[in-house]
């Protein structure tokens, strides 16, 4: 957190919870900022990913706008929203290490 503060980044959301497969969180994001979204997991996770969806009021559905598919125990993506709207951020554990079925994860959303 201190490093982000030193870089003059503004943290707009911090979340720490358990994940058993998929976890969703929601956040209003504005087109005025480029956001960085990071997720990391404990030692039980081999592969965790992020997907970000924008809510379309007209169609009344979520549309995928960005995803991270790296096979790591962390994921990072940047997003410059085209519109100010509500976004769904999906944290997905694609693979646990043997013997694990749940993990702790941390999620950070910040901008300049």
N, C-alpha and C. Protein backbone atom coordinates (compact mmCIF):
# COMPACT_ATOMS: atom_id res chain seq x y z
N UNK A 1 0.82 -1.19 0.00
CA UNK A 1 0.00 0.00 0.00
C UNK A 1 0.87 1.25 0.00
N UNK A 2 1.94 1.21 0.77
CA UNK A 2 2.83 2.37 0.83
C UNK A 2 3.43 2.67 -0.53
N UNK A 3 3.79 1.62 -1.28
CA UNK A 3 4.36 1.82 -2.61
C UNK A 3 3.37 2.51 -3.54
N UNK A 4 2.10 2.09 -3.49
CA UNK A 4 1.08 2.74 -4.31
C UNK A 4 0.89 4.19 -3.89
N UNK A 5 0.89 4.43 -2.58
CA UNK A 5 0.78 5.81 -2.08
C UNK A 5 1.96 6.66 -2.57
N UNK A 6 3.15 6.09 -2.54
CA UNK A 6 4.34 6.82 -2.99
C UNK A 6 4.28 7.12 -4.49
N UNK A 7 3.56 6.30 -5.25
CA UNK A 7 3.39 6.52 -6.68
C UNK A 7 2.18 7.41 -6.98
N UNK A 8 1.56 7.92 -5.92
CA UNK A 8 0.39 8.80 -6.01
C UNK A 8 -0.79 8.11 -6.70
N UNK A 9 -0.97 6.84 -6.41
CA UNK A 9 -2.13 6.08 -6.89
C UNK A 9 -3.22 6.16 -5.83
N UNK A 10 -4.46 6.23 -6.28
CA UNK A 10 -5.58 6.26 -5.35
C UNK A 10 -6.27 4.90 -5.35
N UNK A 11 -6.24 4.24 -4.20
CA UNK A 11 -6.90 2.95 -4.06
C UNK A 11 -8.38 3.22 -3.83
N UNK A 12 -9.23 2.62 -4.68
CA UNK A 12 -10.66 2.84 -4.57
C UNK A 12 -11.40 1.61 -4.06
N UNK A 13 -10.70 0.48 -3.99
CA UNK A 13 -11.33 -0.71 -3.42
C UNK A 13 -10.25 -1.70 -3.00
N UNK A 14 -10.44 -2.25 -1.82
CA UNK A 14 -9.61 -3.35 -1.32
C UNK A 14 -10.57 -4.41 -0.81
N UNK A 15 -10.30 -5.64 -1.19
CA UNK A 15 -11.16 -6.75 -0.77
C UNK A 15 -10.26 -7.93 -0.42
N UNK A 16 -10.59 -8.62 0.64
CA UNK A 16 -9.86 -9.83 1.04
C UNK A 16 -10.90 -10.82 1.51
N UNK A 17 -10.92 -11.99 0.90
CA UNK A 17 -11.99 -12.94 1.21
C UNK A 17 -11.55 -14.35 0.82
N UNK A 18 -12.44 -15.28 1.00
CA UNK A 18 -12.23 -16.66 0.56
C UNK A 18 -12.85 -16.86 -0.81
N UNK A 19 -12.22 -17.71 -1.61
CA UNK A 19 -12.78 -18.07 -2.90
C UNK A 19 -12.71 -19.59 -3.03
N UNK A 20 -13.81 -20.17 -3.49
CA UNK A 20 -13.91 -21.62 -3.67
C UNK A 20 -13.92 -22.00 -5.14
N UNK A 21 -13.97 -21.02 -6.00
CA UNK A 21 -14.00 -21.23 -7.45
C UNK A 21 -14.14 -19.91 -8.16
N UNK A 22 -15.30 -19.26 -7.96
CA UNK A 22 -15.57 -17.96 -8.59
C UNK A 22 -16.15 -17.01 -7.55
N UNK A 23 -15.75 -15.76 -7.63
CA UNK A 23 -16.26 -14.72 -6.73
C UNK A 23 -16.52 -13.48 -7.56
N UNK A 24 -17.62 -12.81 -7.30
CA UNK A 24 -17.97 -11.59 -8.04
C UNK A 24 -18.02 -10.40 -7.09
N UNK A 25 -17.59 -9.26 -7.59
CA UNK A 25 -17.71 -8.02 -6.86
C UNK A 25 -18.12 -6.94 -7.87
N UNK A 26 -18.72 -5.89 -7.40
CA UNK A 26 -19.27 -4.85 -8.29
C UNK A 26 -18.71 -3.50 -7.88
N UNK A 27 -18.48 -2.66 -8.90
CA UNK A 27 -17.93 -1.34 -8.63
C UNK A 27 -18.35 -0.39 -9.75
N UNK A 28 -18.76 0.82 -9.37
CA UNK A 28 -18.97 1.88 -10.36
C UNK A 28 -17.61 2.44 -10.74
N UNK A 29 -17.33 2.44 -12.04
CA UNK A 29 -16.08 2.99 -12.55
C UNK A 29 -16.42 4.13 -13.49
N UNK A 30 -15.56 5.15 -13.49
CA UNK A 30 -15.80 6.33 -14.32
C UNK A 30 -14.86 6.35 -15.51
N UNK A 31 -15.33 6.93 -16.60
CA UNK A 31 -14.51 7.05 -17.80
C UNK A 31 -13.38 8.07 -17.63
N UNK A 32 -13.38 8.79 -16.52
CA UNK A 32 -12.34 9.80 -16.25
C UNK A 32 -10.99 9.19 -15.87
N UNK A 33 -10.96 7.90 -15.52
CA UNK A 33 -9.74 7.29 -15.00
C UNK A 33 -9.41 5.99 -15.74
N UNK A 34 -8.12 5.68 -15.76
CA UNK A 34 -7.68 4.35 -16.16
C UNK A 34 -7.40 3.59 -14.86
N UNK A 35 -8.03 2.44 -14.71
CA UNK A 35 -7.94 1.66 -13.49
C UNK A 35 -6.99 0.48 -13.66
N UNK A 36 -6.34 0.12 -12.59
CA UNK A 36 -5.60 -1.12 -12.52
C UNK A 36 -6.33 -2.01 -11.52
N UNK A 37 -6.57 -3.24 -11.93
CA UNK A 37 -7.24 -4.21 -11.08
C UNK A 37 -6.27 -5.38 -10.88
N UNK A 38 -6.01 -5.69 -9.62
CA UNK A 38 -5.07 -6.76 -9.29
C UNK A 38 -5.76 -7.76 -8.36
N UNK A 39 -5.47 -9.02 -8.57
CA UNK A 39 -5.92 -10.06 -7.65
C UNK A 39 -4.74 -10.99 -7.39
N UNK A 40 -4.63 -11.44 -6.16
CA UNK A 40 -3.58 -12.39 -5.80
C UNK A 40 -4.20 -13.42 -4.86
N UNK A 41 -3.56 -14.58 -4.79
CA UNK A 41 -4.10 -15.66 -3.96
C UNK A 41 -3.00 -16.27 -3.12
N UNK A 42 -3.42 -17.06 -2.13
CA UNK A 42 -2.46 -17.73 -1.27
C UNK A 42 -1.82 -18.92 -2.00
N UNK A 43 -1.03 -19.69 -1.26
CA UNK A 43 -0.25 -20.78 -1.85
C UNK A 43 -1.07 -21.96 -2.37
N UNK A 44 -2.37 -21.98 -2.11
CA UNK A 44 -3.20 -23.08 -2.59
C UNK A 44 -3.64 -22.94 -4.03
N UNK A 45 -3.39 -21.75 -4.63
CA UNK A 45 -3.88 -21.47 -5.98
C UNK A 45 -2.74 -21.54 -6.99
N UNK A 46 -2.97 -22.29 -8.04
CA UNK A 46 -2.01 -22.39 -9.13
C UNK A 46 -2.33 -21.38 -10.24
N UNK A 47 -3.64 -21.14 -10.49
CA UNK A 47 -4.05 -20.25 -11.58
C UNK A 47 -5.31 -19.49 -11.18
N UNK A 48 -5.18 -18.15 -11.12
CA UNK A 48 -6.32 -17.28 -10.82
C UNK A 48 -6.40 -16.22 -11.92
N UNK A 49 -7.60 -15.88 -12.33
CA UNK A 49 -7.80 -14.93 -13.42
C UNK A 49 -8.86 -13.90 -13.06
N UNK A 50 -8.91 -12.85 -13.87
CA UNK A 50 -9.89 -11.78 -13.73
C UNK A 50 -10.68 -11.63 -15.02
N UNK A 51 -11.96 -11.32 -14.88
CA UNK A 51 -12.80 -10.91 -16.00
C UNK A 51 -13.58 -9.69 -15.54
N UNK A 52 -13.71 -8.70 -16.43
CA UNK A 52 -14.44 -7.48 -16.11
C UNK A 52 -15.57 -7.32 -17.12
N UNK A 53 -16.77 -7.09 -16.60
CA UNK A 53 -17.97 -6.93 -17.41
C UNK A 53 -18.57 -5.56 -17.17
N UNK A 54 -19.10 -4.96 -18.22
CA UNK A 54 -19.82 -3.69 -18.13
C UNK A 54 -21.31 -3.98 -18.24
N UNK A 55 -22.10 -3.31 -17.41
CA UNK A 55 -23.55 -3.52 -17.48
C UNK A 55 -24.15 -2.60 -18.55
N UNK A 56 -24.89 -3.19 -19.47
CA UNK A 56 -25.57 -2.46 -20.53
C UNK A 56 -27.03 -2.28 -20.11
N UNK A 57 -27.41 -1.05 -19.75
CA UNK A 57 -28.77 -0.77 -19.29
C UNK A 57 -29.81 -1.04 -20.38
N UNK A 58 -29.46 -0.72 -21.61
CA UNK A 58 -30.40 -0.91 -22.71
C UNK A 58 -30.70 -2.38 -22.95
N UNK A 59 -29.66 -3.20 -22.98
CA UNK A 59 -29.84 -4.64 -23.21
C UNK A 59 -30.11 -5.42 -21.93
N UNK A 60 -29.90 -4.76 -20.79
CA UNK A 60 -30.07 -5.38 -19.48
C UNK A 60 -29.25 -6.66 -19.36
N UNK A 61 -27.95 -6.53 -19.71
CA UNK A 61 -27.06 -7.69 -19.60
C UNK A 61 -25.62 -7.22 -19.39
N UNK A 62 -24.78 -8.14 -18.90
CA UNK A 62 -23.37 -7.89 -18.70
C UNK A 62 -22.61 -8.26 -19.96
N UNK A 63 -21.66 -7.40 -20.35
CA UNK A 63 -20.83 -7.63 -21.53
C UNK A 63 -19.36 -7.66 -21.10
N UNK A 64 -18.65 -8.71 -21.47
CA UNK A 64 -17.23 -8.83 -21.15
C UNK A 64 -16.45 -7.74 -21.87
N UNK A 65 -15.64 -6.97 -21.10
CA UNK A 65 -14.85 -5.90 -21.71
C UNK A 65 -13.35 -6.14 -21.59
N UNK A 66 -12.92 -6.97 -20.65
CA UNK A 66 -11.49 -7.21 -20.46
C UNK A 66 -11.30 -8.46 -19.62
N UNK A 67 -10.22 -9.20 -19.91
CA UNK A 67 -9.91 -10.37 -19.09
C UNK A 67 -8.42 -10.62 -19.07
N UNK A 68 -7.98 -11.31 -18.03
CA UNK A 68 -6.61 -11.75 -17.89
C UNK A 68 -6.63 -13.26 -17.87
N UNK A 69 -5.81 -13.88 -18.70
CA UNK A 69 -5.79 -15.34 -18.78
C UNK A 69 -4.44 -15.94 -18.46
N UNK A 70 -3.55 -15.18 -17.82
CA UNK A 70 -2.24 -15.72 -17.48
C UNK A 70 -2.39 -16.84 -16.46
N UNK A 71 -1.55 -17.83 -16.57
CA UNK A 71 -1.61 -19.00 -15.66
C UNK A 71 -0.68 -18.76 -14.47
N UNK A 72 -1.09 -17.87 -13.58
CA UNK A 72 -0.31 -17.51 -12.40
C UNK A 72 -1.22 -17.45 -11.18
N UNK A 73 -0.64 -17.29 -10.01
CA UNK A 73 -1.43 -17.15 -8.78
C UNK A 73 -1.80 -15.70 -8.52
N UNK A 74 -1.63 -14.86 -9.53
CA UNK A 74 -2.03 -13.45 -9.47
C UNK A 74 -2.46 -13.03 -10.88
N UNK A 75 -3.20 -11.95 -10.97
CA UNK A 75 -3.62 -11.42 -12.27
C UNK A 75 -3.71 -9.91 -12.15
N UNK A 76 -3.36 -9.22 -13.21
CA UNK A 76 -3.42 -7.76 -13.26
C UNK A 76 -3.92 -7.34 -14.63
N UNK A 77 -4.80 -6.35 -14.64
CA UNK A 77 -5.21 -5.76 -15.91
C UNK A 77 -5.50 -4.29 -15.71
N UNK A 78 -5.41 -3.54 -16.80
CA UNK A 78 -5.77 -2.13 -16.77
C UNK A 78 -7.02 -1.94 -17.62
N UNK A 79 -7.82 -0.99 -17.22
CA UNK A 79 -9.10 -0.75 -17.89
C UNK A 79 -9.38 0.74 -17.92
N UNK A 80 -9.60 1.27 -19.11
CA UNK A 80 -10.07 2.64 -19.29
C UNK A 80 -11.53 2.53 -19.72
N UNK A 81 -12.48 2.69 -18.79
CA UNK A 81 -13.89 2.56 -19.17
C UNK A 81 -14.27 3.55 -20.26
N UNK A 82 -15.06 3.08 -21.21
CA UNK A 82 -15.54 3.97 -22.27
C UNK A 82 -16.73 4.80 -21.78
N UNK A 83 -17.42 4.28 -20.78
CA UNK A 83 -18.55 5.00 -20.16
C UNK A 83 -18.48 4.82 -18.65
N UNK A 84 -19.03 5.77 -17.95
CA UNK A 84 -19.17 5.63 -16.51
C UNK A 84 -20.37 4.72 -16.27
N UNK A 85 -20.11 3.60 -15.58
CA UNK A 85 -21.16 2.59 -15.42
C UNK A 85 -20.77 1.65 -14.28
N UNK A 86 -21.67 0.72 -14.01
CA UNK A 86 -21.39 -0.33 -13.05
C UNK A 86 -20.66 -1.46 -13.76
N UNK A 87 -19.63 -1.98 -13.11
CA UNK A 87 -18.84 -3.07 -13.66
C UNK A 87 -18.85 -4.24 -12.69
N UNK A 88 -18.85 -5.43 -13.26
CA UNK A 88 -18.74 -6.65 -12.47
C UNK A 88 -17.34 -7.19 -12.65
N UNK A 89 -16.68 -7.47 -11.55
CA UNK A 89 -15.33 -8.03 -11.59
C UNK A 89 -15.43 -9.45 -11.06
N UNK A 90 -15.02 -10.37 -11.90
CA UNK A 90 -15.12 -11.78 -11.57
C UNK A 90 -13.72 -12.32 -11.30
N UNK A 91 -13.52 -12.89 -10.13
CA UNK A 91 -12.28 -13.55 -9.74
C UNK A 91 -12.52 -15.05 -9.93
N UNK A 92 -11.67 -15.69 -10.72
CA UNK A 92 -11.89 -17.10 -11.06
C UNK A 92 -10.64 -17.91 -10.75
N UNK A 93 -10.78 -18.90 -9.90
CA UNK A 93 -9.69 -19.84 -9.68
C UNK A 93 -9.88 -20.97 -10.69
N UNK A 94 -8.95 -21.05 -11.64
CA UNK A 94 -9.03 -22.10 -12.64
C UNK A 94 -8.38 -23.39 -12.17
N UNK A 95 -7.39 -23.24 -11.26
CA UNK A 95 -6.72 -24.46 -10.79
C UNK A 95 -6.15 -24.25 -9.40
N UNK A 96 -6.49 -25.17 -8.51
CA UNK A 96 -5.89 -25.24 -7.18
C UNK A 96 -4.74 -26.24 -7.22
N UNK A 97 -3.80 -26.09 -6.31
CA UNK A 97 -2.80 -27.13 -6.13
C UNK A 97 -3.47 -28.33 -5.45
N UNK A 98 -2.91 -29.48 -5.64
CA UNK A 98 -3.47 -30.70 -5.09
C UNK A 98 -3.67 -30.57 -3.58
N UNK A 99 -4.85 -30.97 -3.12
CA UNK A 99 -5.19 -30.91 -1.71
C UNK A 99 -5.92 -29.65 -1.29
N UNK A 100 -6.07 -28.69 -2.19
CA UNK A 100 -6.75 -27.43 -1.88
C UNK A 100 -8.07 -27.32 -2.64
N UNK A 101 -9.08 -26.80 -1.96
CA UNK A 101 -10.38 -26.55 -2.61
C UNK A 101 -10.88 -25.13 -2.34
N UNK A 102 -10.11 -24.38 -1.57
CA UNK A 102 -10.45 -23.00 -1.25
C UNK A 102 -9.16 -22.23 -1.04
N UNK A 103 -9.27 -20.91 -1.12
CA UNK A 103 -8.09 -20.06 -0.94
C UNK A 103 -8.51 -18.69 -0.45
N UNK A 104 -7.55 -17.99 0.10
CA UNK A 104 -7.74 -16.57 0.41
C UNK A 104 -7.24 -15.78 -0.78
N UNK A 105 -7.96 -14.71 -1.11
CA UNK A 105 -7.52 -13.85 -2.20
C UNK A 105 -7.62 -12.40 -1.76
N UNK A 106 -6.85 -11.57 -2.42
CA UNK A 106 -6.92 -10.13 -2.22
C UNK A 106 -7.16 -9.46 -3.56
N UNK A 107 -7.98 -8.43 -3.54
CA UNK A 107 -8.31 -7.67 -4.75
C UNK A 107 -8.05 -6.19 -4.48
N UNK A 108 -7.36 -5.54 -5.41
CA UNK A 108 -7.09 -4.11 -5.33
C UNK A 108 -7.56 -3.45 -6.61
N UNK A 109 -8.22 -2.31 -6.48
CA UNK A 109 -8.56 -1.48 -7.64
C UNK A 109 -8.04 -0.09 -7.33
N UNK A 110 -7.24 0.45 -8.26
CA UNK A 110 -6.69 1.79 -8.05
C UNK A 110 -6.52 2.52 -9.37
N UNK A 111 -6.32 3.82 -9.28
CA UNK A 111 -6.05 4.65 -10.45
C UNK A 111 -5.08 5.76 -10.07
N UNK A 112 -4.61 6.52 -11.06
CA UNK A 112 -3.68 7.64 -10.81
C UNK A 112 -4.38 8.75 -10.08
